[in-house]
Every structure is written in C-alpha cells, then in structure tokens.
Amino acid sequence: MSDRKSMKCHVCGGFVHPNKTDIPFKLGERMIVILKDLPVLQCERCREYILEDSVMRRVEEILSMVNQDSELQVVRFAA
C-alpha cells in the first residue's frame, strides 16, 4: 500500500492506522475460520478495516490449509 499515514477510509473518510484484530471467514455452508491477531489497517472513526495485499495472500494460504471436517476453527495469524 502507499503511505499509510495519509490513507483515508473509503467508507467515512477517517484516517486508517495499523492494528491487529480477529476476523471470521465463512468457508462454505457450515465452516467458519477465525483468524486471530490479523494485521489490518483500521479506521479510527468507523472501525472499517483494510487488508493489505501481502496479508490477504497469507490469509488465502492459511484458509487453504484448514481442516475441512470441522465447523469452527480458530487459527492464529502468522506472517
């Protein structure tokens, strides 16, 4: 991403700042994976978040390796 200090939220126009948060991802009809400590750029006003491209690539790798037999998994994000 470009200069993070000047990035603005596409929803409300507030500034976004680096943060870590837990985000659920629904995979299919019955499976949810919660990624813990996911690095995001989060709006200071409305709490909307942006995933940088490198983080999203890692999320996709993690989600492709989860156990498909469980309904709920909690996975700690590791870059």
C-alpha atoms as a PDB file:
ATOM      1  CA  MET A   1       0.000   0.000   0.000  1.00  0.00           C
ATOM      2  CA  SER A   2       1.022   3.588  -0.348  1.00  0.00           C
ATOM      3  CA  ASP A   3       1.846   5.905   2.520  1.00  0.00           C
ATOM      4  CA  ARG A   4      -0.241   4.572   5.431  1.00  0.00           C
ATOM      5  CA  LYS A   5      -0.120   7.847   7.359  1.00  0.00           C
ATOM      6  CA  SER A   6      -2.172   9.613   4.718  1.00  0.00           C
ATOM      7  CA  MET A   7      -4.549   6.757   3.913  1.00  0.00           C
ATOM      8  CA  LYS A   8      -8.192   7.525   4.429  1.00  0.00           C
ATOM      9  CA  CYS A   9     -11.133   5.202   4.989  1.00  0.00           C
ATOM     10  CA  HIS A  10     -13.189   4.585   1.855  1.00  0.00           C
ATOM     11  CA  VAL A  11     -16.366   4.489   3.996  1.00  0.00           C
ATOM     12  CA  CYS A  12     -16.196   7.590   6.212  1.00  0.00           C
ATOM     13  CA  GLY A  13     -13.011   9.446   5.269  1.00  0.00           C
ATOM     14  CA  GLY A  14     -11.321   8.929   8.645  1.00  0.00           C
ATOM     15  CA  PHE A  15      -7.648   8.013   8.842  1.00  0.00           C
ATOM     16  CA  VAL A  16      -6.613   4.359   8.983  1.00  0.00           C
ATOM     17  CA  HIS A  17      -3.923   3.042  11.322  1.00  0.00           C
ATOM     18  CA  PRO A  18      -2.175  -0.332  11.733  1.00  0.00           C
ATOM     19  CA  ASN A  19      -3.973  -2.587  14.197  1.00  0.00           C
ATOM     20  CA  LYS A  20      -4.441  -6.289  14.944  1.00  0.00           C
ATOM     21  CA  THR A  21      -7.868  -7.854  15.191  1.00  0.00           C
ATOM     22  CA  ASP A  22      -9.728 -11.175  14.995  1.00  0.00           C
ATOM     23  CA  ILE A  23     -11.774 -11.742  11.836  1.00  0.00           C
ATOM     24  CA  PRO A  24     -14.125 -14.627  10.958  1.00  0.00           C
ATOM     25  CA  PHE A  25     -14.100 -16.090   7.446  1.00  0.00           C
ATOM     26  CA  LYS A  26     -17.008 -18.247   6.313  1.00  0.00           C
ATOM     27  CA  LEU A  27     -15.928 -21.121   4.089  1.00  0.00           C
ATOM     28  CA  GLY A  28     -18.867 -22.910   2.562  1.00  0.00           C
ATOM     29  CA  GLU A  29     -22.206 -23.507   4.212  1.00  0.00           C
ATOM     30  CA  ARG A  30     -21.036 -24.906   7.549  1.00  0.00           C
ATOM     31  CA  MET A  31     -17.468 -23.838   8.194  1.00  0.00           C
ATOM     32  CA  ILE A  32     -16.108 -20.724   9.908  1.00  0.00           C
ATOM     33  CA  VAL A  33     -12.430 -19.962  10.470  1.00  0.00           C
ATOM     34  CA  ILE A  34     -11.491 -17.194  12.882  1.00  0.00           C
ATOM     35  CA  LEU A  35      -8.071 -15.680  12.247  1.00  0.00           C
ATOM     36  CA  LYS A  36      -6.638 -14.146  15.422  1.00  0.00           C
ATOM     37  CA  ASP A  37      -4.239 -11.196  15.568  1.00  0.00           C
ATOM     38  CA  LEU A  38      -4.695 -10.402  11.899  1.00  0.00           C
ATOM     39  CA  PRO A  39      -2.775  -7.235  10.917  1.00  0.00           C
ATOM     40  CA  VAL A  40      -5.138  -4.698   9.357  1.00  0.00           C
ATOM     41  CA  LEU A  41      -5.333  -1.016   8.592  1.00  0.00           C
ATOM     42  CA  GLN A  42      -8.341   0.111  10.638  1.00  0.00           C
ATOM     43  CA  CYS A  43     -10.301   3.358  10.545  1.00  0.00           C
ATOM     44  CA  GLU A  44     -10.099   5.439  13.698  1.00  0.00           C
ATOM     45  CA  ARG A  45     -13.744   6.534  13.307  1.00  0.00           C
ATOM     46  CA  CYS A  46     -15.940   3.792  11.871  1.00  0.00           C
ATOM     47  CA  ARG A  47     -13.633   0.780  12.550  1.00  0.00           C
ATOM     48  CA  GLU A  48     -13.804  -0.371   8.896  1.00  0.00           C
ATOM     49  CA  TYR A  49     -10.631  -2.271   8.012  1.00  0.00           C
ATOM     50  CA  ILE A  50      -8.400  -2.893   5.008  1.00  0.00           C
ATOM     51  CA  LEU A  51      -6.271  -5.988   4.440  1.00  0.00           C
ATOM     52  CA  GLU A  52      -3.029  -5.288   2.617  1.00  0.00           C
ATOM     53  CA  ASP A  53      -2.248  -7.493  -0.396  1.00  0.00           C
ATOM     54  CA  SER A  54       0.564  -9.383   1.366  1.00  0.00           C
ATOM     55  CA  VAL A  55      -1.696 -10.131   4.339  1.00  0.00           C
ATOM     56  CA  MET A  56      -4.513 -11.292   2.055  1.00  0.00           C
ATOM     57  CA  ARG A  57      -2.149 -13.677   0.244  1.00  0.00           C
ATOM     58  CA  ARG A  58      -1.190 -15.210   3.603  1.00  0.00           C
ATOM     59  CA  VAL A  59      -4.869 -15.410   4.643  1.00  0.00           C
ATOM     60  CA  GLU A  60      -5.610 -17.337   1.455  1.00  0.00           C
ATOM     61  CA  GLU A  61      -2.727 -19.746   2.186  1.00  0.00           C
ATOM     62  CA  ILE A  62      -3.955 -20.322   5.745  1.00  0.00           C
ATOM     63  CA  LEU A  63      -7.566 -20.852   4.662  1.00  0.00           C
ATOM     64  CA  SER A  64      -6.498 -23.374   2.024  1.00  0.00           C
ATOM     65  CA  MET A  65      -4.821 -25.498   4.722  1.00  0.00           C
ATOM     66  CA  VAL A  66      -7.601 -25.666   7.329  1.00  0.00           C
ATOM     67  CA  ASN A  67      -9.240 -28.918   8.330  1.00  0.00           C
ATOM     68  CA  GLN A  68     -12.319 -29.182   6.121  1.00  0.00           C
ATOM     69  CA  ASP A  69     -14.043 -31.586   8.528  1.00  0.00           C
ATOM     70  CA  SER A  70     -14.604 -29.115  11.362  1.00  0.00           C
ATOM     71  CA  GLU A  71     -17.321 -26.479  11.595  1.00  0.00           C
ATOM     72  CA  LEU A  72     -15.268 -23.945  13.546  1.00  0.00           C
ATOM     73  CA  GLN A  73     -11.541 -23.353  13.720  1.00  0.00           C
ATOM     74  CA  VAL A  74      -9.552 -20.635  15.431  1.00  0.00           C
ATOM     75  CA  VAL A  75      -6.139 -20.004  13.889  1.00  0.00           C
ATOM     76  CA  ARG A  76      -3.506 -17.508  14.993  1.00  0.00           C
ATOM     77  CA  PHE A  77      -2.244 -15.471  12.040  1.00  0.00           C
ATOM     78  CA  ALA A  78       1.482 -15.788  11.459  1.00  0.00           C
ATOM     79  CA  ALA A  79       3.103 -13.802   8.669  1.00  0.00           C
END
